[in-house]
PDB file of all heavy atoms in Angstrom:
ATOM      1  N   LEU A   1     -14.440  26.845   8.240  1.00  0.00           N
ATOM      2  CA  LEU A   1     -14.571  25.879   9.330  1.00  0.00           C
ATOM      3  C   LEU A   1     -15.703  26.302  10.227  1.00  0.00           C
ATOM      4  O   LEU A   1     -15.817  27.467  10.678  1.00  0.00           O
ATOM      5  CB  LEU A   1     -13.268  25.821  10.126  1.00  0.00           C
ATOM      6  CG  LEU A   1     -12.080  25.190   9.393  1.00  0.00           C
ATOM      7  CD1 LEU A   1     -10.829  25.245  10.302  1.00  0.00           C
ATOM      8  CD2 LEU A   1     -12.361  23.750   9.010  1.00  0.00           C
ATOM      9  N   GLU A   2     -16.564  25.344  10.546  1.00  0.00           N
ATOM     10  CA  GLU A   2     -17.663  25.573  11.476  1.00  0.00           C
ATOM     11  C   GLU A   2     -17.268  25.128  12.889  1.00  0.00           C
ATOM     12  O   GLU A   2     -16.205  24.517  13.088  1.00  0.00           O
ATOM     13  CB  GLU A   2     -18.923  24.842  10.994  1.00  0.00           C
ATOM     14  CG  GLU A   2     -19.377  25.282   9.615  1.00  0.00           C
ATOM     15  CD  GLU A   2     -20.605  24.541   9.150  1.00  0.00           C
ATOM     16  OE1 GLU A   2     -21.038  23.643   9.872  1.00  0.00           O
ATOM     17  OE2 GLU A   2     -21.115  24.817   8.041  1.00  0.00           O
ATOM     18  N   ARG A   3     -18.167  25.373  13.845  1.00  0.00           N
ATOM     19  CA  ARG A   3     -17.901  25.039  15.240  1.00  0.00           C
ATOM     20  C   ARG A   3     -17.671  23.519  15.393  1.00  0.00           C
ATOM     21  O   ARG A   3     -16.772  23.092  16.079  1.00  0.00           O
ATOM     22  CB  ARG A   3     -19.035  25.482  16.117  1.00  0.00           C
ATOM     23  CG  ARG A   3     -18.796  25.267  17.610  1.00  0.00           C
ATOM     24  CD  ARG A   3     -19.986  25.717  18.400  1.00  0.00           C
ATOM     25  NE  ARG A   3     -20.179  27.153  18.246  1.00  0.00           N
ATOM     26  CZ  ARG A   3     -19.632  28.099  19.000  1.00  0.00           C
ATOM     27  NH1 ARG A   3     -18.808  27.724  19.965  1.00  0.00           N
ATOM     28  NH2 ARG A   3     -19.869  29.376  18.770  1.00  0.00           N
ATOM     29  N   LYS A   4     -18.455  22.701  14.662  1.00  0.00           N
ATOM     30  CA  LYS A   4     -18.305  21.264  14.760  1.00  0.00           C
ATOM     31  C   LYS A   4     -16.970  20.797  14.202  1.00  0.00           C
ATOM     32  O   LYS A   4     -16.367  19.816  14.674  1.00  0.00           O
ATOM     33  CB  LYS A   4     -19.478  20.540  14.089  1.00  0.00           C
ATOM     34  CG  LYS A   4     -19.548  20.777  12.593  1.00  0.00           C
ATOM     35  CD  LYS A   4     -20.701  19.980  11.999  1.00  0.00           C
ATOM     36  CE  LYS A   4     -20.771  20.170  10.500  1.00  0.00           C
ATOM     37  NZ  LYS A   4     -21.889  19.382   9.881  1.00  0.00           N
ATOM     38  N   ASP A   5     -16.479  21.515  13.166  1.00  0.00           N
ATOM     39  CA  ASP A   5     -15.189  21.190  12.598  1.00  0.00           C
ATOM     40  C   ASP A   5     -14.068  21.484  13.598  1.00  0.00           C
ATOM     41  O   ASP A   5     -13.122  20.689  13.766  1.00  0.00           O
ATOM     42  CB  ASP A   5     -14.934  21.962  11.316  1.00  0.00           C
ATOM     43  CG  ASP A   5     -15.966  21.641  10.239  1.00  0.00           C
ATOM     44  OD1 ASP A   5     -16.298  20.449  10.134  1.00  0.00           O
ATOM     45  OD2 ASP A   5     -16.383  22.566   9.544  1.00  0.00           O
ATOM     46  N   LEU A   6     -14.195  22.591  14.318  1.00  0.00           N
ATOM     47  CA  LEU A   6     -13.198  22.931  15.312  1.00  0.00           C
ATOM     48  C   LEU A   6     -13.202  21.897  16.473  1.00  0.00           C
ATOM     49  O   LEU A   6     -12.140  21.545  16.986  1.00  0.00           O
ATOM     50  CB  LEU A   6     -13.457  24.335  15.858  1.00  0.00           C
ATOM     51  CG  LEU A   6     -13.289  25.492  14.849  1.00  0.00           C
ATOM     52  CD1 LEU A   6     -13.667  26.814  15.489  1.00  0.00           C
ATOM     53  CD2 LEU A   6     -11.821  25.551  14.395  1.00  0.00           C
ATOM     54  N   ARG A   7     -14.436  21.453  16.869  1.00  0.00           N
ATOM     55  CA  ARG A   7     -14.499  20.427  17.873  1.00  0.00           C
ATOM     56  C   ARG A   7     -13.779  19.145  17.440  1.00  0.00           C
ATOM     57  O   ARG A   7     -13.094  18.490  18.218  1.00  0.00           O
ATOM     58  CB  ARG A   7     -15.945  20.152  18.247  1.00  0.00           C
ATOM     59  CG  ARG A   7     -16.613  21.240  19.078  1.00  0.00           C
ATOM     60  CD  ARG A   7     -17.852  20.686  19.759  1.00  0.00           C
ATOM     61  NE  ARG A   7     -18.839  20.216  18.819  1.00  0.00           N
ATOM     62  CZ  ARG A   7     -19.848  20.962  18.332  1.00  0.00           C
ATOM     63  NH1 ARG A   7     -19.981  22.218  18.720  1.00  0.00           N
ATOM     64  NH2 ARG A   7     -20.714  20.446  17.489  1.00  0.00           N
ATOM     65  N   THR A   8     -13.987  18.799  16.174  1.00  0.00           N
ATOM     66  CA  THR A   8     -13.359  17.589  15.630  1.00  0.00           C
ATOM     67  C   THR A   8     -11.843  17.729  15.701  1.00  0.00           C
ATOM     68  O   THR A   8     -11.129  16.798  16.081  1.00  0.00           O
ATOM     69  CB  THR A   8     -13.800  17.353  14.179  1.00  0.00           C
ATOM     70  OG1 THR A   8     -15.225  17.184  14.121  1.00  0.00           O
ATOM     71  CG2 THR A   8     -13.144  16.101  13.619  1.00  0.00           C
ATOM     72  N   ILE A   9     -11.312  18.883  15.315  1.00  0.00           N
ATOM     73  CA  ILE A   9      -9.861  19.126  15.340  1.00  0.00           C
ATOM     74  C   ILE A   9      -9.322  19.017  16.754  1.00  0.00           C
ATOM     75  O   ILE A   9      -8.274  18.425  17.043  1.00  0.00           O
ATOM     76  CB  ILE A   9      -9.537  20.488  14.720  1.00  0.00           C
ATOM     77  CG1 ILE A   9      -9.870  20.479  13.229  1.00  0.00           C
ATOM     78  CG2 ILE A   9      -8.061  20.838  14.966  1.00  0.00           C
ATOM     79  CD1 ILE A   9      -9.656  21.822  12.558  1.00  0.00           C
ATOM     80  N   VAL A  10     -10.060  19.637  17.736  1.00  0.00           N
ATOM     81  CA  VAL A  10      -9.632  19.553  19.135  1.00  0.00           C
ATOM     82  C   VAL A  10      -9.611  18.139  19.648  1.00  0.00           C
ATOM     83  O   VAL A  10      -8.655  17.694  20.296  1.00  0.00           O
ATOM     84  CB  VAL A  10     -10.567  20.425  20.013  1.00  0.00           C
ATOM     85  CG1 VAL A  10     -10.258  20.213  21.503  1.00  0.00           C
ATOM     86  CG2 VAL A  10     -10.382  21.905  19.653  1.00  0.00           C
ATOM     87  N   VAL A  11     -10.645  17.359  19.291  1.00  0.00           N
ATOM     88  CA  VAL A  11     -10.683  15.916  19.727  1.00  0.00           C
ATOM     89  C   VAL A  11      -9.494  15.164  19.139  1.00  0.00           C
ATOM     90  O   VAL A  11      -8.854  14.357  19.818  1.00  0.00           O
ATOM     91  CB  VAL A  11     -12.024  15.301  19.292  1.00  0.00           C
ATOM     92  CG1 VAL A  11     -11.972  13.803  19.517  1.00  0.00           C
ATOM     93  CG2 VAL A  11     -13.174  15.901  20.094  1.00  0.00           C
ATOM     94  N   CYS A  12      -9.186  15.426  17.875  1.00  0.00           N
ATOM     95  CA  CYS A  12      -8.057  14.724  17.218  1.00  0.00           C
ATOM     96  C   CYS A  12      -6.753  15.094  17.891  1.00  0.00           C
ATOM     97  O   CYS A  12      -5.874  14.217  18.109  1.00  0.00           O
ATOM     98  CB  CYS A  12      -7.995  15.098  15.746  1.00  0.00           C
ATOM     99  SG  CYS A  12      -9.379  14.393  14.760  1.00  0.00           S
ATOM    100  N   VAL A  13      -6.586  16.379  18.244  1.00  0.00           N
ATOM    101  CA  VAL A  13      -5.356  16.793  18.917  1.00  0.00           C
ATOM    102  C   VAL A  13      -5.222  16.111  20.309  1.00  0.00           C
ATOM    103  O   VAL A  13      -4.137  15.640  20.692  1.00  0.00           O
ATOM    104  CB  VAL A  13      -5.305  18.312  19.072  1.00  0.00           C
ATOM    105  CG1 VAL A  13      -4.164  18.763  19.964  1.00  0.00           C
ATOM    106  CG2 VAL A  13      -5.174  18.970  17.714  1.00  0.00           C
ATOM    107  N   ILE A  14      -6.368  16.014  21.017  1.00  0.00           N
ATOM    108  CA  ILE A  14      -6.324  15.366  22.324  1.00  0.00           C
ATOM    109  C   ILE A  14      -5.982  13.910  22.177  1.00  0.00           C
ATOM    110  O   ILE A  14      -5.137  13.330  22.919  1.00  0.00           O
ATOM    111  CB  ILE A  14      -7.692  15.517  23.036  1.00  0.00           C
ATOM    112  CG1 ILE A  14      -7.920  17.023  23.387  1.00  0.00           C
ATOM    113  CG2 ILE A  14      -7.766  14.665  24.294  1.00  0.00           C
ATOM    114  CD1 ILE A  14      -9.293  17.283  23.962  1.00  0.00           C
ATOM    115  N   LEU A  15      -6.593  13.202  21.201  1.00  0.00           N
ATOM    116  CA  LEU A  15      -6.306  11.789  20.997  1.00  0.00           C
ATOM    117  C   LEU A  15      -4.855  11.591  20.581  1.00  0.00           C
ATOM    118  O   LEU A  15      -4.186  10.635  21.024  1.00  0.00           O
ATOM    119  CB  LEU A  15      -7.228  11.237  19.911  1.00  0.00           C
ATOM    120  CG  LEU A  15      -8.702  11.080  20.298  1.00  0.00           C
ATOM    121  CD1 LEU A  15      -9.525  10.590  19.102  1.00  0.00           C
ATOM    122  CD2 LEU A  15      -8.846  10.118  21.463  1.00  0.00           C
ATOM    123  N   ALA A  16      -4.295  12.468  19.740  1.00  0.00           N
ATOM    124  CA  ALA A  16      -2.935  12.393  19.358  1.00  0.00           C
ATOM    125  C   ALA A  16      -1.989  12.552  20.519  1.00  0.00           C
ATOM    126  O   ALA A  16      -0.961  11.875  20.657  1.00  0.00           O
ATOM    127  CB  ALA A  16      -2.608  13.396  18.267  1.00  0.00           C
ATOM    128  N   SER A  17      -2.331  13.489  21.430  1.00  0.00           N
ATOM    129  CA  SER A  17      -1.519  13.694  22.601  1.00  0.00           C
ATOM    130  C   SER A  17      -1.535  12.469  23.524  1.00  0.00           C
ATOM    131  O   SER A  17      -0.493  12.091  24.096  1.00  0.00           O
ATOM    132  CB  SER A  17      -2.058  14.929  23.400  1.00  0.00           C
ATOM    133  OG  SER A  17      -1.999  16.087  22.562  1.00  0.00           O
ATOM    134  N   ILE A  18      -2.696  11.863  23.679  1.00  0.00           N
ATOM    135  CA  ILE A  18      -2.788  10.640  24.506  1.00  0.00           C
ATOM    136  C   ILE A  18      -1.956   9.540  23.905  1.00  0.00           C
ATOM    137  O   ILE A  18      -1.198   8.820  24.613  1.00  0.00           O
ATOM    138  CB  ILE A  18      -4.240  10.189  24.651  1.00  0.00           C
ATOM    139  CG1 ILE A  18      -5.064  11.245  25.439  1.00  0.00           C
ATOM    140  CG2 ILE A  18      -4.333   8.829  25.319  1.00  0.00           C
ATOM    141  CD1 ILE A  18      -6.540  10.960  25.521  1.00  0.00           C
ATOM    142  N   CYS A  19      -2.026   9.389  22.592  1.00  0.00           N
ATOM    143  CA  CYS A  19      -1.230   8.352  21.863  1.00  0.00           C
ATOM    144  C   CYS A  19       0.261   8.621  22.072  1.00  0.00           C
ATOM    145  O   CYS A  19       1.046   7.669  22.303  1.00  0.00           O
ATOM    146  CB  CYS A  19      -1.576   8.312  20.392  1.00  0.00           C
ATOM    147  SG  CYS A  19      -3.267   7.736  20.069  1.00  0.00           S
ATOM    148  N   PHE A  20       0.669   9.857  21.984  1.00  0.00           N
ATOM    149  CA  PHE A  20       2.063  10.239  22.149  1.00  0.00           C
ATOM    150  C   PHE A  20       2.538   9.887  23.580  1.00  0.00           C
ATOM    151  O   PHE A  20       3.671   9.355  23.740  1.00  0.00           O
ATOM    152  CB  PHE A  20       2.265  11.716  21.875  1.00  0.00           C
ATOM    153  CG  PHE A  20       3.670  12.147  21.939  1.00  0.00           C
ATOM    154  CD1 PHE A  20       4.587  11.769  20.985  1.00  0.00           C
ATOM    155  CD2 PHE A  20       4.111  12.973  22.993  1.00  0.00           C
ATOM    156  CE1 PHE A  20       5.918  12.178  21.061  1.00  0.00           C
ATOM    157  CE2 PHE A  20       5.396  13.399  23.053  1.00  0.00           C
ATOM    158  CZ  PHE A  20       6.336  12.987  22.094  1.00  0.00           C
ATOM    159  N   PHE A  21       1.680  10.116  24.564  1.00  0.00           N
ATOM    160  CA  PHE A  21       2.050   9.770  25.930  1.00  0.00           C
ATOM    161  C   PHE A  21       2.248   8.266  26.084  1.00  0.00           C
ATOM    162  O   PHE A  21       3.194   7.822  26.718  1.00  0.00           O
ATOM    163  CB  PHE A  21       0.948  10.247  26.895  1.00  0.00           C
ATOM    164  CG  PHE A  21       1.065   9.655  28.273  1.00  0.00           C
ATOM    165  CD1 PHE A  21       2.016  10.185  29.204  1.00  0.00           C
ATOM    166  CD2 PHE A  21       0.271   8.622  28.699  1.00  0.00           C
ATOM    167  CE1 PHE A  21       2.140   9.635  30.458  1.00  0.00           C
ATOM    168  CE2 PHE A  21       0.403   8.073  29.965  1.00  0.00           C
ATOM    169  CZ  PHE A  21       1.346   8.573  30.844  1.00  0.00           C
ATOM    170  N   PHE A  22       1.342   7.481  25.499  1.00  0.00           N
ATOM    171  CA  PHE A  22       1.479   6.017  25.605  1.00  0.00           C
ATOM    172  C   PHE A  22       2.735   5.516  24.886  1.00  0.00           C
ATOM    173  O   PHE A  22       3.382   4.592  25.324  1.00  0.00           O
ATOM    174  CB  PHE A  22       0.237   5.333  25.015  1.00  0.00           C
ATOM    175  CG  PHE A  22      -0.862   5.164  26.033  1.00  0.00           C
ATOM    176  CD1 PHE A  22      -1.814   6.140  26.248  1.00  0.00           C
ATOM    177  CD2 PHE A  22      -0.921   4.011  26.822  1.00  0.00           C
ATOM    178  CE1 PHE A  22      -2.834   5.956  27.151  1.00  0.00           C
ATOM    179  CE2 PHE A  22      -1.937   3.850  27.748  1.00  0.00           C
ATOM    180  CZ  PHE A  22      -2.887   4.832  27.923  1.00  0.00           C
ATOM    181  N   ILE A  23       3.085   6.198  23.771  1.00  0.00           N
ATOM    182  CA  ILE A  23       4.320   5.805  23.066  1.00  0.00           C
ATOM    183  C   ILE A  23       5.540   6.023  23.960  1.00  0.00           C
ATOM    184  O   ILE A  23       6.387   5.154  24.101  1.00  0.00           O
ATOM    185  CB  ILE A  23       4.454   6.574  21.743  1.00  0.00           C
ATOM    186  CG1 ILE A  23       3.410   6.108  20.750  1.00  0.00           C
ATOM    187  CG2 ILE A  23       5.844   6.422  21.172  1.00  0.00           C
ATOM    188  CD1 ILE A  23       3.353   6.883  19.478  1.00  0.00           C
ATOM    189  N   LEU A  24       5.599   7.217  24.584  1.00  0.00           N
ATOM    190  CA  LEU A  24       6.699   7.493  25.466  1.00  0.00           C
ATOM    191  C   LEU A  24       6.741   6.537  26.675  1.00  0.00           C
ATOM    192  O   LEU A  24       7.819   6.138  27.120  1.00  0.00           O
ATOM    193  CB  LEU A  24       6.616   8.943  25.966  1.00  0.00           C
ATOM    194  CG  LEU A  24       6.820  10.048  24.912  1.00  0.00           C
ATOM    195  CD1 LEU A  24       6.695  11.402  25.568  1.00  0.00           C
ATOM    196  CD2 LEU A  24       8.175   9.906  24.287  1.00  0.00           C
ATOM    197  N   ARG A  25       5.560   6.170  27.153  1.00  0.00           N
ATOM    198  CA  ARG A  25       5.516   5.379  28.386  1.00  0.00           C
ATOM    199  C   ARG A  25       5.811   3.880  28.139  1.00  0.00           C
ATOM    200  O   ARG A  25       6.466   3.229  28.922  1.00  0.00           O
ATOM    201  CB  ARG A  25       4.146   5.535  29.023  1.00  0.00           C
ATOM    202  CG  ARG A  25       3.907   4.685  30.254  1.00  0.00           C
ATOM    203  CD  ARG A  25       4.806   5.110  31.395  1.00  0.00           C
ATOM    204  NE  ARG A  25       4.585   4.304  32.611  1.00  0.00           N
ATOM    205  CZ  ARG A  25       5.100   3.105  32.836  1.00  0.00           C
ATOM    206  NH1 ARG A  25       5.907   2.564  31.937  1.00  0.00           N
ATOM    207  NH2 ARG A  25       4.830   2.467  33.937  1.00  0.00           N
ATOM    208  N   PHE A  26       5.353   3.346  26.991  1.00  0.00           N
ATOM    209  CA  PHE A  26       5.383   1.915  26.842  1.00  0.00           C
ATOM    210  C   PHE A  26       6.171   1.449  25.591  1.00  0.00           C
ATOM    211  O   PHE A  26       6.198   0.246  25.291  1.00  0.00           O
ATOM    212  CB  PHE A  26       3.954   1.337  26.694  1.00  0.00           C
ATOM    213  CG  PHE A  26       3.103   1.593  27.896  1.00  0.00           C
ATOM    214  CD1 PHE A  26       2.061   2.523  27.848  1.00  0.00           C
ATOM    215  CD2 PHE A  26       3.318   0.921  29.072  1.00  0.00           C
ATOM    216  CE1 PHE A  26       1.273   2.770  28.989  1.00  0.00           C
ATOM    217  CE2 PHE A  26       2.547   1.120  30.186  1.00  0.00           C
ATOM    218  CZ  PHE A  26       1.527   2.058  30.134  1.00  0.00           C
ATOM    219  N   PHE A  27       6.862   2.371  24.926  1.00  0.00           N
ATOM    220  CA  PHE A  27       7.556   2.003  23.715  1.00  0.00           C
ATOM    221  C   PHE A  27       8.611   0.904  23.935  1.00  0.00           C
ATOM    222  O   PHE A  27       8.666  -0.079  23.205  1.00  0.00           O
ATOM    223  CB  PHE A  27       8.213   3.261  23.069  1.00  0.00           C
ATOM    224  CG  PHE A  27       8.919   2.938  21.786  1.00  0.00           C
ATOM    225  CD1 PHE A  27       8.204   2.839  20.595  1.00  0.00           C
ATOM    226  CD2 PHE A  27      10.287   2.767  21.726  1.00  0.00           C
ATOM    227  CE1 PHE A  27       8.846   2.580  19.401  1.00  0.00           C
ATOM    228  CE2 PHE A  27      10.946   2.508  20.552  1.00  0.00           C
ATOM    229  CZ  PHE A  27      10.212   2.407  19.373  1.00  0.00           C
ATOM    230  N   TYR A  28       9.447   1.069  24.951  1.00  0.00           N
ATOM    231  CA  TYR A  28      10.538   0.130  25.197  1.00  0.00           C
ATOM    232  C   TYR A  28      10.045  -1.227  25.696  1.00  0.00           C
ATOM    233  O   TYR A  28      10.728  -2.209  25.566  1.00  0.00           O
ATOM    234  CB  TYR A  28      11.542   0.700  26.181  1.00  0.00           C
ATOM    235  CG  TYR A  28      12.324   1.863  25.583  1.00  0.00           C
ATOM    236  CD1 TYR A  28      12.042   3.168  25.929  1.00  0.00           C
ATOM    237  CD2 TYR A  28      13.333   1.640  24.676  1.00  0.00           C
ATOM    238  CE1 TYR A  28      12.719   4.265  25.370  1.00  0.00           C
ATOM    239  CE2 TYR A  28      14.028   2.693  24.096  1.00  0.00           C
ATOM    240  CZ  TYR A  28      13.732   3.998  24.436  1.00  0.00           C
ATOM    241  OH  TYR A  28      14.408   5.041  23.884  1.00  0.00           O
ATOM    242  N   GLN A  29       8.818  -1.245  26.275  1.00  0.00           N
ATOM    243  CA  GLN A  29       8.266  -2.519  26.685  1.00  0.00           C
ATOM    244  C   GLN A  29       7.651  -3.248  25.465  1.00  0.00           C
ATOM    245  O   GLN A  29       7.788  -4.462  25.345  1.00  0.00           O
ATOM    246  CB  GLN A  29       7.169  -2.299  27.731  1.00  0.00           C
ATOM    247  CG  GLN A  29       7.731  -1.710  29.066  1.00  0.00           C
ATOM    248  CD  GLN A  29       6.645  -1.595  30.106  1.00  0.00           C
ATOM    249  OE1 GLN A  29       5.585  -2.255  30.027  1.00  0.00           O
ATOM    250  NE2 GLN A  29       6.837  -0.697  31.050  1.00  0.00           N
ATOM    251  N   ALA A  30       7.038  -2.501  24.586  1.00  0.00           N
ATOM    252  CA  ALA A  30       6.422  -3.114  23.422  1.00  0.00           C
ATOM    253  C   ALA A  30       7.440  -3.511  22.365  1.00  0.00           C
ATOM    254  O   ALA A  30       7.259  -4.525  21.688  1.00  0.00           O
ATOM    255  CB  ALA A  30       5.398  -2.164  22.770  1.00  0.00           C
ATOM    256  N   PHE A  31       8.553  -2.762  22.292  1.00  0.00           N
ATOM    257  CA  PHE A  31       9.583  -3.032  21.315  1.00  0.00           C
ATOM    258  C   PHE A  31      10.940  -3.166  22.007  1.00  0.00           C
ATOM    259  O   PHE A  31      11.678  -2.180  22.078  1.00  0.00           O
ATOM    260  CB  PHE A  31       9.631  -1.944  20.245  1.00  0.00           C
ATOM    261  CG  PHE A  31       8.331  -1.730  19.540  1.00  0.00           C
ATOM    262  CD1 PHE A  31       7.463  -0.688  19.914  1.00  0.00           C
ATOM    263  CD2 PHE A  31       7.957  -2.607  18.511  1.00  0.00           C
ATOM    264  CE1 PHE A  31       6.265  -0.536  19.228  1.00  0.00           C
ATOM    265  CE2 PHE A  31       6.733  -2.402  17.832  1.00  0.00           C
ATOM    266  CZ  PHE A  31       5.889  -1.402  18.218  1.00  0.00           C
ATOM    267  N   PRO A  32      11.245  -4.339  22.548  1.00  0.00           N
ATOM    268  CA  PRO A  32      12.486  -4.508  23.303  1.00  0.00           C
ATOM    269  C   PRO A  32      13.733  -4.234  22.464  1.00  0.00           C
ATOM    270  O   PRO A  32      14.807  -3.975  23.003  1.00  0.00           O
ATOM    271  CB  PRO A  32      12.432  -5.943  23.775  1.00  0.00           C
ATOM    272  CG  PRO A  32      11.473  -6.622  22.848  1.00  0.00           C
ATOM    273  CD  PRO A  32      10.480  -5.570  22.489  1.00  0.00           C
ATOM    274  N   GLU A  33      13.644  -4.342  21.130  1.00  0.00           N
ATOM    275  CA  GLU A  33      14.791  -4.071  20.287  1.00  0.00           C
ATOM    276  C   GLU A  33      15.346  -2.667  20.528  1.00  0.00           C
ATOM    277  O   GLU A  33      16.530  -2.424  20.406  1.00  0.00           O
ATOM    278  CB  GLU A  33      14.459  -4.200  18.804  1.00  0.00           C
ATOM    279  CG  GLU A  33      13.960  -5.586  18.374  1.00  0.00           C
ATOM    280  CD  GLU A  33      12.485  -5.711  18.414  1.00  0.00           C
ATOM    281  OE1 GLU A  33      11.850  -5.044  19.276  1.00  0.00           O
ATOM    282  OE2 GLU A  33      11.908  -6.471  17.602  1.00  0.00           O
ATOM    283  N   ALA A  34      14.452  -1.733  20.880  1.00  0.00           N
ATOM    284  CA  ALA A  34      14.865  -0.370  21.062  1.00  0.00           C
ATOM    285  C   ALA A  34      15.724  -0.130  22.292  1.00  0.00           C
ATOM    286  O   ALA A  34      16.365   0.886  22.443  1.00  0.00           O
ATOM    287  CB  ALA A  34      13.623   0.553  21.128  1.00  0.00           C
ATOM    288  N   SER A  35      15.718  -1.109  23.233  1.00  0.00           N
ATOM    289  CA  SER A  35      16.477  -0.962  24.500  1.00  0.00           C
ATOM    290  C   SER A  35      17.655  -1.876  24.544  1.00  0.00           C
ATOM    291  O   SER A  35      18.244  -2.081  25.619  1.00  0.00           O
ATOM    292  CB  SER A  35      15.536  -1.209  25.662  1.00  0.00           C
ATOM    293  OG  SER A  35      14.988  -2.550  25.591  1.00  0.00           O
TER     294      SER A  35
END
C-alpha cells in the first residue's frame, strides 16, 4: 500500500462514518415502517 492508497482508505472510512450518522438520524423518517 502506498500513501495515496492509505488516503483513499481514510476517505472511505470518513464517508462511511458520515453515511452511518445519517442512517441513525433519518432512518425512521425515511422508512416509517420501522417505527
